[in-house]
Structures are given as structure tokens and as C-alpha cells.
N, C-alpha and C. Protein backbone atom coordinates (compact mmCIF):
# COMPACT_ATOMS: atom_id res chain seq x y z
N MET A 1 -21.62 84.14 -61.10
CA MET A 1 -20.32 83.71 -62.31
C MET A 1 -20.18 82.43 -61.59
N THR A 2 -19.64 81.63 -62.34
CA THR A 2 -19.32 80.05 -62.27
C THR A 2 -17.89 79.80 -62.88
N THR A 3 -17.36 79.04 -61.80
CA THR A 3 -15.68 78.70 -62.21
C THR A 3 -16.20 77.04 -62.24
N THR A 4 -15.05 76.72 -63.15
CA THR A 4 -14.73 75.92 -63.86
C THR A 4 -13.36 74.83 -63.13
N ASP A 5 -13.79 73.65 -62.64
CA ASP A 5 -12.91 72.52 -62.24
C ASP A 5 -11.59 72.41 -63.20
N THR A 6 -10.86 72.58 -62.71
CA THR A 6 -9.66 71.97 -63.77
C THR A 6 -8.54 71.17 -62.86
N THR A 7 -8.85 70.93 -61.99
CA THR A 7 -8.37 69.79 -61.67
C THR A 7 -8.36 68.48 -62.28
N PRO A 8 -7.03 67.84 -62.54
CA PRO A 8 -6.85 66.73 -63.24
C PRO A 8 -7.75 65.52 -62.65
N VAL A 9 -8.17 64.78 -63.37
CA VAL A 9 -9.45 63.20 -63.24
C VAL A 9 -7.99 62.45 -62.93
N GLU A 10 -7.91 61.31 -62.12
CA GLU A 10 -6.84 60.31 -62.10
C GLU A 10 -8.02 59.33 -62.64
N SER A 11 -7.38 58.73 -63.36
CA SER A 11 -8.14 57.60 -64.04
C SER A 11 -6.96 56.21 -64.10
N ALA A 12 -7.59 54.80 -63.97
CA ALA A 12 -6.43 53.64 -64.21
C ALA A 12 -5.86 53.60 -65.41
N ALA A 13 -4.74 53.24 -65.53
CA ALA A 13 -3.92 53.24 -66.58
C ALA A 13 -4.13 51.92 -67.27
N MET A 14 -4.22 51.92 -68.51
CA MET A 14 -4.98 50.97 -69.16
C MET A 14 -3.72 49.90 -70.00
N VAL A 15 -3.44 49.17 -68.81
CA VAL A 15 -2.29 47.48 -69.24
C VAL A 15 -3.13 46.57 -69.59
N PRO A 16 -2.53 46.08 -70.60
CA PRO A 16 -3.19 45.20 -71.28
C PRO A 16 -2.87 43.55 -70.78
N ASP A 17 -3.78 42.61 -70.19
CA ASP A 17 -3.39 41.69 -69.40
C ASP A 17 -2.99 40.53 -70.20
N PHE A 18 -1.73 40.02 -70.21
CA PHE A 18 -0.59 39.07 -70.64
C PHE A 18 -1.06 37.66 -70.00
N GLY A 19 -1.52 37.71 -68.73
CA GLY A 19 -2.03 36.91 -67.68
C GLY A 19 -0.78 36.67 -66.61
N ASP A 20 -1.26 36.53 -65.67
CA ASP A 20 -0.05 36.63 -64.79
C ASP A 20 0.50 35.65 -64.54
N ASP A 21 1.17 34.31 -65.05
CA ASP A 21 1.60 33.65 -65.32
C ASP A 21 2.51 33.27 -66.50
N GLU A 22 3.99 33.71 -66.39
CA GLU A 22 4.32 33.86 -67.80
C GLU A 22 4.83 32.24 -68.23
N THR A 23 5.16 31.25 -67.34
CA THR A 23 5.43 30.25 -67.83
C THR A 23 4.23 29.50 -69.05
N ASP A 24 2.84 30.19 -68.96
CA ASP A 24 2.16 29.69 -69.80
C ASP A 24 2.46 30.38 -71.48
N ARG A 25 3.40 31.40 -71.20
CA ARG A 25 3.44 31.97 -72.89
C ARG A 25 4.73 31.22 -73.61
N LYS A 26 4.39 31.27 -75.01
CA LYS A 26 4.88 30.45 -75.92
C LYS A 26 5.15 31.57 -76.92
N ILE A 27 6.80 30.81 -77.35
CA ILE A 27 6.88 31.73 -78.42
C ILE A 27 7.63 30.55 -79.71
N CYS A 28 7.31 31.19 -81.00
CA CYS A 28 8.18 30.00 -82.16
C CYS A 28 8.54 30.89 -83.30
N PHE A 29 9.87 31.05 -83.23
CA PHE A 29 10.28 31.59 -84.48
C PHE A 29 10.83 30.37 -85.45
N ILE A 30 10.49 31.42 -86.58
CA ILE A 30 10.88 30.82 -88.17
C ILE A 30 11.99 31.52 -88.77
N CYS A 31 13.21 30.74 -88.81
CA CYS A 31 14.29 31.48 -89.25
C CYS A 31 14.36 30.36 -90.70
N SER A 32 14.42 31.22 -91.77
CA SER A 32 14.15 31.02 -93.16
C SER A 32 15.74 31.34 -94.20
N LYS A 33 16.27 31.69 -93.45
CA LYS A 33 17.47 32.84 -94.11
C LYS A 33 18.81 32.74 -93.22
N GLY A 34 19.79 32.41 -94.27
CA GLY A 34 21.03 31.84 -93.45
C GLY A 34 22.54 32.69 -93.67
N THR A 35 21.79 34.09 -93.70
CA THR A 35 22.63 35.26 -93.46
C THR A 35 23.14 35.61 -92.19
N LEU A 36 24.21 36.12 -91.89
CA LEU A 36 24.66 36.50 -90.76
C LEU A 36 23.74 37.70 -90.06
N ASP A 37 23.18 38.55 -91.38
CA ASP A 37 21.89 39.62 -90.47
C ASP A 37 20.56 38.85 -90.45
N MET A 38 20.65 37.82 -91.05
CA MET A 38 18.93 36.97 -90.41
C MET A 38 19.11 36.57 -89.56
N ALA A 39 20.33 36.01 -89.12
CA ALA A 39 20.57 34.86 -88.08
C ALA A 39 20.35 35.55 -86.28
N TYR A 40 20.99 36.77 -86.51
CA TYR A 40 21.09 37.20 -85.25
C TYR A 40 19.28 37.45 -84.75
N PRO A 41 18.95 38.25 -85.58
CA PRO A 41 17.56 38.84 -85.09
C PRO A 41 16.87 37.71 -84.43
N ALA A 42 16.59 36.35 -84.55
CA ALA A 42 16.05 35.69 -83.91
C ALA A 42 16.55 35.32 -83.03
N LEU A 43 17.77 34.98 -83.18
CA LEU A 43 19.06 34.42 -81.49
C LEU A 43 18.45 35.20 -80.56
N ILE A 44 18.71 36.48 -80.97
CA ILE A 44 18.54 37.64 -79.55
C ILE A 44 17.21 37.71 -79.19
N MET A 45 16.06 37.84 -80.10
CA MET A 45 15.14 37.28 -79.53
C MET A 45 14.73 36.67 -78.52
N ALA A 46 15.36 35.22 -79.01
CA ALA A 46 14.79 33.79 -78.66
C ALA A 46 15.53 34.08 -76.71
N ASN A 47 16.58 34.70 -76.85
CA ASN A 47 17.17 34.61 -75.92
C ASN A 47 16.78 35.42 -75.06
N GLY A 48 15.97 37.03 -75.29
CA GLY A 48 15.27 37.59 -74.43
C GLY A 48 13.92 36.64 -73.46
N ALA A 49 13.22 35.78 -74.69
CA ALA A 49 12.47 35.20 -74.42
C ALA A 49 12.72 34.02 -73.50
N LEU A 50 13.62 33.49 -73.42
CA LEU A 50 14.40 32.59 -72.60
C LEU A 50 14.14 32.98 -71.06
N GLY A 51 14.80 34.23 -70.99
CA GLY A 51 15.41 34.93 -70.24
C GLY A 51 14.08 35.62 -69.18
N GLU A 52 12.99 35.77 -69.83
CA GLU A 52 11.76 36.37 -69.37
C GLU A 52 10.64 34.73 -69.21
N GLY A 53 11.52 33.91 -69.46
CA GLY A 53 10.72 32.43 -68.71
C GLY A 53 9.97 32.05 -70.00
N ILE A 54 9.64 32.42 -70.99
CA ILE A 54 8.90 32.10 -72.07
C ILE A 54 9.28 30.62 -72.54
N GLU A 55 8.25 29.71 -73.10
CA GLU A 55 8.71 28.31 -73.57
C GLU A 55 8.80 28.88 -75.22
N THR A 56 10.48 28.65 -75.75
CA THR A 56 10.89 29.08 -76.62
C THR A 56 11.59 28.28 -77.97
N HIS A 57 10.54 28.22 -78.82
CA HIS A 57 10.84 26.96 -79.91
C HIS A 57 11.56 27.95 -81.09
N ILE A 58 12.62 27.19 -82.00
CA ILE A 58 13.06 28.05 -83.21
C ILE A 58 13.04 26.58 -84.51
N PHE A 59 12.32 27.02 -85.31
CA PHE A 59 12.34 26.52 -86.52
C PHE A 59 12.86 26.61 -87.43
N PHE A 60 13.75 25.75 -88.03
CA PHE A 60 14.61 26.11 -89.32
C PHE A 60 14.47 25.76 -90.21
N THR A 61 14.48 26.45 -91.68
CA THR A 61 13.82 26.03 -92.77
C THR A 61 14.54 26.74 -93.77
N PHE A 62 14.69 25.99 -95.11
CA PHE A 62 15.08 26.41 -96.26
C PHE A 62 16.75 27.15 -95.66
N TRP A 63 17.30 28.33 -96.14
CA TRP A 63 18.36 28.56 -96.09
C TRP A 63 18.79 29.14 -94.81
N GLY A 64 17.91 29.01 -93.69
CA GLY A 64 17.68 29.21 -92.09
C GLY A 64 18.60 28.25 -91.75
N LEU A 65 18.60 26.29 -92.61
CA LEU A 65 19.27 25.41 -92.25
C LEU A 65 20.73 25.87 -91.97
N ASP A 66 21.29 27.01 -92.66
CA ASP A 66 22.77 26.83 -92.27
C ASP A 66 22.95 27.58 -91.33
N MET A 67 22.04 27.67 -90.49
CA MET A 67 22.46 28.48 -88.79
C MET A 67 22.75 27.17 -88.12
N VAL A 68 22.29 25.92 -88.51
CA VAL A 68 22.17 24.88 -87.56
C VAL A 68 22.71 23.89 -88.46
N THR A 69 23.70 23.96 -89.54
CA THR A 69 24.45 22.70 -89.84
C THR A 69 25.93 23.26 -89.93
N LYS A 70 26.42 21.64 -89.08
CA LYS A 70 27.40 21.93 -88.78
C LYS A 70 28.53 22.17 -89.47
N LYS A 71 28.33 22.35 -91.01
CA LYS A 71 29.52 22.50 -91.76
C LYS A 71 29.31 24.06 -92.32
N THR A 72 28.23 24.65 -92.02
CA THR A 72 28.01 26.15 -92.61
C THR A 72 27.66 27.33 -91.03
N MET A 73 27.52 26.36 -90.34
CA MET A 73 26.84 27.87 -88.70
C MET A 73 27.96 28.34 -88.24
N ASP A 74 29.38 28.38 -88.44
CA ASP A 74 30.43 29.18 -88.21
C ASP A 74 30.80 29.79 -89.57
N ASP A 75 30.26 30.00 -90.17
CA ASP A 75 30.76 30.61 -91.61
C ASP A 75 29.57 31.01 -92.47
N LEU A 76 28.70 32.03 -91.45
CA LEU A 76 27.39 33.02 -92.20
C LEU A 76 28.09 33.95 -92.96
N LYS A 77 27.62 34.08 -93.85
CA LYS A 77 27.87 35.44 -94.42
C LYS A 77 27.11 36.62 -94.27
N PHE A 78 27.82 37.85 -94.62
CA PHE A 78 26.41 39.13 -95.01
C PHE A 78 27.32 39.88 -96.33
N THR A 79 26.13 40.16 -96.90
CA THR A 79 26.45 41.00 -98.31
C THR A 79 25.36 41.83 -98.13
N ILE A 80 25.80 42.99 -99.27
CA ILE A 80 25.28 43.94 -99.31
C ILE A 80 24.26 43.96 -100.47
N LEU A 81 24.76 43.41 -101.37
CA LEU A 81 23.47 43.00 -102.51
C LEU A 81 22.58 42.77 -102.12
N GLY A 82 21.37 43.25 -102.77
CA GLY A 82 19.99 43.19 -102.73
C GLY A 82 19.25 43.93 -101.13
N ASN A 83 20.57 44.12 -100.29
CA ASN A 83 20.28 44.76 -99.01
C ASN A 83 20.03 46.24 -98.88
N PRO A 84 18.95 47.10 -99.05
CA PRO A 84 18.76 48.38 -99.31
C PRO A 84 19.34 49.14 -98.00
N ALA A 85 19.26 48.41 -96.70
CA ALA A 85 19.51 48.90 -96.01
C ALA A 85 20.71 49.42 -94.89
N THR A 86 21.66 48.73 -96.22
CA THR A 86 23.01 49.25 -95.90
C THR A 86 23.59 50.29 -96.03
N HIS A 87 22.68 51.22 -96.74
CA HIS A 87 22.80 52.74 -97.50
C HIS A 87 23.98 52.69 -98.25
N MET A 88 24.35 51.93 -99.25
CA MET A 88 25.62 51.56 -99.72
C MET A 88 25.14 51.38 -101.09
N PRO A 89 26.06 51.83 -102.13
CA PRO A 89 25.54 51.48 -103.66
C PRO A 89 25.87 50.12 -103.55
N GLN A 90 24.48 49.41 -104.47
CA GLN A 90 24.21 48.11 -104.74
C GLN A 90 25.27 47.28 -105.70
N ALA A 91 26.07 48.47 -106.02
CA ALA A 91 27.24 48.15 -107.87
C ALA A 91 28.44 47.28 -106.75
N LEU A 92 28.51 48.33 -105.21
CA LEU A 92 29.76 47.55 -104.29
C LEU A 92 29.95 46.24 -104.43
N GLY A 93 28.54 45.43 -103.97
CA GLY A 93 28.25 44.67 -104.05
C GLY A 93 28.50 43.56 -104.78
N GLY A 94 28.85 43.68 -105.84
CA GLY A 94 29.32 42.87 -107.27
C GLY A 94 31.06 43.03 -106.71
N ILE A 95 31.65 43.86 -106.16
CA ILE A 95 33.27 43.64 -106.30
C ILE A 95 33.78 42.67 -105.63
N PRO A 96 34.06 41.43 -106.07
CA PRO A 96 35.13 40.66 -105.36
C PRO A 96 35.89 41.18 -103.77
N GLY A 97 35.64 40.18 -103.15
CA GLY A 97 35.58 40.35 -101.54
C GLY A 97 34.68 41.14 -100.95
N MET A 98 33.65 41.88 -101.52
CA MET A 98 33.13 42.50 -100.76
C MET A 98 32.08 42.13 -99.57
N THR A 99 31.73 40.64 -100.04
CA THR A 99 30.96 40.40 -98.96
C THR A 99 31.93 39.82 -98.07
N GLY A 100 32.86 39.27 -97.96
CA GLY A 100 33.81 39.25 -97.14
C GLY A 100 34.06 40.47 -96.27
N MET A 101 34.59 40.98 -96.64
CA MET A 101 34.90 42.60 -96.01
C MET A 101 33.73 43.19 -95.10
N ALA A 102 32.31 42.60 -96.20
CA ALA A 102 30.95 43.11 -95.05
C ALA A 102 31.13 42.18 -93.67
N THR A 103 31.34 41.14 -94.54
CA THR A 103 31.17 39.97 -93.08
C THR A 103 32.14 40.43 -91.92
N LYS A 104 33.47 40.30 -92.08
CA LYS A 104 34.46 40.91 -91.10
C LYS A 104 34.18 41.83 -90.47
N MET A 105 33.58 42.94 -91.19
CA MET A 105 33.16 44.38 -90.41
C MET A 105 31.64 43.96 -89.34
N MET A 106 30.84 43.40 -90.24
CA MET A 106 29.48 42.84 -89.13
C MET A 106 29.86 42.27 -88.11
N LYS A 107 30.86 41.21 -88.04
CA LYS A 107 31.33 40.28 -86.73
C LYS A 107 32.04 40.89 -85.86
N LYS A 108 33.05 42.14 -86.56
CA LYS A 108 33.59 43.29 -85.36
C LYS A 108 32.64 43.94 -84.73
N GLN A 109 31.73 44.35 -85.28
CA GLN A 109 30.56 45.24 -84.65
C GLN A 109 30.13 44.25 -83.67
N ILE A 110 29.09 43.16 -83.96
CA ILE A 110 28.68 42.14 -83.20
C ILE A 110 29.81 41.77 -81.69
N ALA A 111 30.93 41.51 -82.30
CA ALA A 111 31.85 40.94 -81.17
C ALA A 111 31.77 42.12 -80.31
N GLY A 112 32.22 43.56 -80.79
CA GLY A 112 31.88 44.76 -79.89
C GLY A 112 30.71 44.49 -78.88
N LEU A 113 30.06 44.03 -79.27
CA LEU A 113 28.97 44.42 -78.62
C LEU A 113 28.65 42.99 -77.63
N ASP A 114 29.89 42.42 -77.30
CA ASP A 114 29.66 40.87 -76.83
C ASP A 114 28.69 40.40 -76.83
N VAL A 115 28.52 40.21 -78.08
CA VAL A 115 27.32 39.19 -78.66
C VAL A 115 28.46 37.89 -79.04
N PRO A 116 27.79 36.72 -78.49
CA PRO A 116 28.36 35.73 -79.30
C PRO A 116 28.59 35.29 -80.90
N GLU A 117 29.55 34.67 -81.23
CA GLU A 117 29.42 34.01 -82.44
C GLU A 117 27.99 33.08 -82.69
N ILE A 118 27.65 32.34 -83.89
CA ILE A 118 26.61 31.75 -83.99
C ILE A 118 26.21 30.79 -82.94
N PRO A 119 28.02 29.50 -83.31
CA PRO A 119 27.43 28.50 -82.64
C PRO A 119 27.71 28.61 -80.89
N GLU A 120 28.69 29.67 -80.58
CA GLU A 120 28.23 29.86 -79.10
C GLU A 120 26.67 29.92 -78.84
N PHE A 121 26.41 30.94 -79.43
CA PHE A 121 24.92 31.59 -79.65
C PHE A 121 24.13 30.03 -79.48
N MET A 122 24.16 29.40 -80.35
CA MET A 122 22.99 28.13 -80.43
C MET A 122 23.55 27.59 -79.37
N GLU A 123 24.77 27.18 -78.64
CA GLU A 123 24.82 26.33 -77.50
C GLU A 123 24.25 27.15 -76.20
N LEU A 124 23.95 28.35 -76.12
CA LEU A 124 23.76 29.11 -75.06
C LEU A 124 22.31 29.21 -75.14
N LEU A 125 21.79 29.12 -76.05
CA LEU A 125 20.40 28.88 -76.39
C LEU A 125 19.63 27.71 -75.63
N SER A 126 20.26 26.60 -76.74
CA SER A 126 20.56 25.23 -76.16
C SER A 126 20.33 25.17 -74.87
N ASP A 127 21.12 25.24 -74.00
CA ASP A 127 21.43 25.56 -72.66
C ASP A 127 20.51 26.25 -71.87
N MET A 128 19.81 26.67 -72.54
CA MET A 128 18.83 27.88 -71.51
C MET A 128 17.54 27.26 -72.16
N GLY A 129 17.44 26.28 -72.93
CA GLY A 129 15.78 25.31 -72.95
C GLY A 129 15.16 25.21 -74.33
N ALA A 130 16.12 26.62 -75.09
CA ALA A 130 15.15 26.75 -76.20
C ALA A 130 14.89 25.50 -77.01
N HIS A 131 13.37 25.37 -78.12
CA HIS A 131 13.28 24.04 -78.65
C HIS A 131 14.00 24.07 -80.02
N MET A 132 14.73 23.75 -80.09
CA MET A 132 14.86 23.67 -81.65
C MET A 132 14.85 22.45 -82.41
N TRP A 133 14.19 23.14 -83.71
CA TRP A 133 13.50 22.38 -85.38
C TRP A 133 14.27 22.31 -86.53
N ALA A 134 14.63 21.05 -87.06
CA ALA A 134 14.71 21.44 -88.98
C ALA A 134 13.41 20.80 -89.34
N CYS A 135 13.27 21.64 -90.10
CA CYS A 135 12.30 21.47 -91.66
C CYS A 135 12.38 20.26 -92.27
N GLN A 136 11.60 19.14 -92.24
CA GLN A 136 11.72 18.14 -93.24
C GLN A 136 12.00 18.14 -94.42
N MET A 137 11.03 18.75 -95.16
CA MET A 137 11.23 19.23 -96.45
C MET A 137 12.25 19.76 -96.92
N SER A 138 12.85 21.03 -96.00
CA SER A 138 14.24 21.68 -96.41
C SER A 138 15.20 20.55 -96.00
N ILE A 139 15.53 19.39 -95.15
CA ILE A 139 16.64 18.78 -94.92
C ILE A 139 16.73 17.84 -96.25
N ASP A 140 15.10 17.28 -96.95
CA ASP A 140 15.16 16.39 -97.63
C ASP A 140 15.71 17.20 -98.76
N MET A 141 15.41 18.10 -99.20
CA MET A 141 15.92 18.91 -100.40
C MET A 141 17.06 19.42 -100.52
N MET A 142 17.90 19.32 -99.39
CA MET A 142 19.32 19.84 -99.09
C MET A 142 19.96 18.39 -99.01
N ASP A 143 19.61 17.29 -98.64
CA ASP A 143 20.04 16.26 -98.43
C ASP A 143 20.95 16.11 -97.80
N LEU A 144 20.33 16.43 -96.35
CA LEU A 144 21.36 16.43 -95.17
C LEU A 144 20.83 15.41 -94.18
N LYS A 145 21.32 15.12 -92.74
CA LYS A 145 20.80 14.25 -92.18
C LYS A 145 20.51 14.99 -90.68
N LYS A 146 20.23 14.08 -89.78
CA LYS A 146 20.19 14.95 -88.68
C LYS A 146 21.55 14.80 -87.74
N GLU A 147 22.64 13.98 -88.39
CA GLU A 147 23.98 14.06 -87.94
C GLU A 147 24.60 14.95 -88.21
N ASP A 148 23.92 15.99 -89.67
CA ASP A 148 25.02 17.03 -90.05
C ASP A 148 24.42 18.28 -89.59
N LEU A 149 23.79 18.26 -88.35
CA LEU A 149 23.42 19.28 -87.46
C LEU A 149 23.74 19.32 -86.33
N PHE A 150 23.44 20.54 -85.77
CA PHE A 150 23.85 21.20 -84.32
C PHE A 150 22.95 20.35 -83.51
N ASP A 151 24.16 19.72 -82.81
CA ASP A 151 23.51 18.65 -81.61
C ASP A 151 22.10 19.14 -81.15
N GLY A 152 22.25 20.52 -80.58
CA GLY A 152 21.14 21.26 -80.22
C GLY A 152 19.72 20.87 -80.77
N VAL A 153 19.59 20.47 -82.36
CA VAL A 153 18.34 20.46 -82.81
C VAL A 153 17.58 19.00 -82.21
N GLU A 154 16.30 19.12 -81.36
CA GLU A 154 16.25 18.04 -81.42
C GLU A 154 15.38 17.13 -82.16
N ASP A 155 15.08 17.78 -83.00
CA ASP A 155 14.15 16.98 -84.45
C ASP A 155 14.15 17.47 -85.51
N ILE A 156 13.80 16.36 -86.43
CA ILE A 156 13.58 17.09 -87.81
C ILE A 156 12.04 16.48 -87.81
N ILE A 157 11.26 17.83 -88.13
CA ILE A 157 9.92 17.67 -87.92
C ILE A 157 9.04 18.10 -89.47
N ASN A 158 7.83 17.95 -89.66
CA ASN A 158 7.17 18.16 -90.85
C ASN A 158 6.59 19.77 -90.11
N VAL A 159 5.86 20.05 -91.66
CA VAL A 159 5.21 21.31 -91.29
C VAL A 159 3.79 20.93 -90.42
N SER A 160 2.78 19.97 -90.24
CA SER A 160 1.92 19.60 -89.38
C SER A 160 2.79 19.58 -87.99
N GLU A 161 3.45 18.87 -88.04
CA GLU A 161 4.30 18.80 -86.50
C GLU A 161 4.56 20.32 -85.88
N PHE A 162 4.91 21.02 -87.03
CA PHE A 162 5.14 22.34 -86.38
C PHE A 162 4.33 23.09 -85.93
N MET A 163 3.02 23.34 -86.83
CA MET A 163 1.63 23.99 -86.70
C MET A 163 1.03 23.27 -85.40
N GLU A 164 1.05 21.80 -84.73
CA GLU A 164 0.94 21.55 -83.82
C GLU A 164 1.50 22.18 -82.62
N LEU A 165 2.97 21.98 -82.89
CA LEU A 165 3.80 22.26 -81.32
C LEU A 165 3.42 24.35 -81.48
N SER A 166 3.10 24.35 -82.19
CA SER A 166 3.08 25.89 -82.47
C SER A 166 1.48 26.66 -82.07
N GLU A 167 0.74 25.84 -81.42
CA GLU A 167 -0.45 26.45 -81.41
C GLU A 167 -0.79 27.13 -80.31
N ASP A 168 -1.46 28.08 -79.81
CA ASP A 168 -1.22 29.28 -79.25
C ASP A 168 -0.35 29.79 -78.71
N ALA A 169 0.74 29.78 -79.44
CA ALA A 169 2.02 30.46 -79.56
C ALA A 169 2.03 31.79 -80.32
N GLN A 170 2.90 32.99 -80.24
CA GLN A 170 3.26 33.69 -80.90
C GLN A 170 4.16 33.15 -81.60
N VAL A 171 3.92 33.18 -83.02
CA VAL A 171 4.73 33.01 -84.34
C VAL A 171 5.21 34.20 -84.98
N ILE A 172 6.79 34.21 -84.98
CA ILE A 172 7.46 35.49 -85.72
C ILE A 172 8.46 34.86 -86.90
N PHE A 173 8.10 35.05 -87.67
CA PHE A 173 8.87 34.59 -89.38
C PHE A 173 9.91 35.62 -89.66
N VAL A 174 11.39 34.99 -89.36
CA VAL A 174 12.35 35.82 -89.60
C VAL A 174 13.06 35.46 -90.69
């Protein structure tokens, strides 16, 4: 009679090699929307990347410029219109005052998590070393100037310049 050995065989875990030196890692976020619910994901991920020592760039284009325009950055809104993830009837979004109410509710939830408001978050990221860039074409379309932007924006660059700085980086479009 033969017996079968059922002792588990230990094998080495398969772990991807991300490199030993994290300072070589680079990530670029493209922010194209200026609503409250679209601003926070990129800022929170950028904060996490900076905390891990990853070189972090944020490129603001189209309505994403509202996040770094002095006149609008403290007044981003949240709307349920066209946003089925709110799990609310879309018809409610058309009721006057609904955007204001939804924005107030979201800001209250965010504050309850001790997450800073957009201007303070931008200042924090800038102080941590995030590189912030504004899109030249969007700046031209919206008739903005460098002085209209949050001071942490390093420069206004075109797409070619963004392509160059994002070479070998992980790029996340928000």
C-alpha cells in the first residue's frame, strides 16, 4: 500500500519588484474637472504619494483649473445632476438650492474626516513638494494669467512640456 505525502510545500511569495529606491518613482495626476467630488481624489492620492516619497506632479487643465484659480478654488461645488453615483433621483438636481445643499453636506462629511478644504489642501501639498502645473491652452481659453492662480502653481506649460515631465511616470487622469 502506498501513501501520499500531504505536507504543504512552501514556496516563495510572488511580489512585484517596484525597485528598492522609491525616490526614483514619479506620478502625475491630470485634473480636468473642477467639482468638489472630482478635486479630492487627486489631492488625496497626491498626498499619499508624497508621503511615500514619490515625486508628484499635478497638471490642471480645462475645468480642473478651478482648483487652482484664486477666485474659484474656495468655492467648488458638488452637484447630483449627471452623477448617478449619488444614488438620488436625477430630477432632484434641478431643484433650486439643491447644489448648495449637496455641497454643504459633502463639505461637512469631508470636514468630519479632518480632511482640509481645497485651498488649505493645496497649500499643504505645495509645502510637501508637489509640483503643480497649469495647462497653457486652458489658461488661454479662460483668459487667465499666472497671477490669477494659486501661488503653488510652478508654471503654465503646454502639452509637449507635460509629456516631457511625465516621461517614465505613472499618469492618472482624474
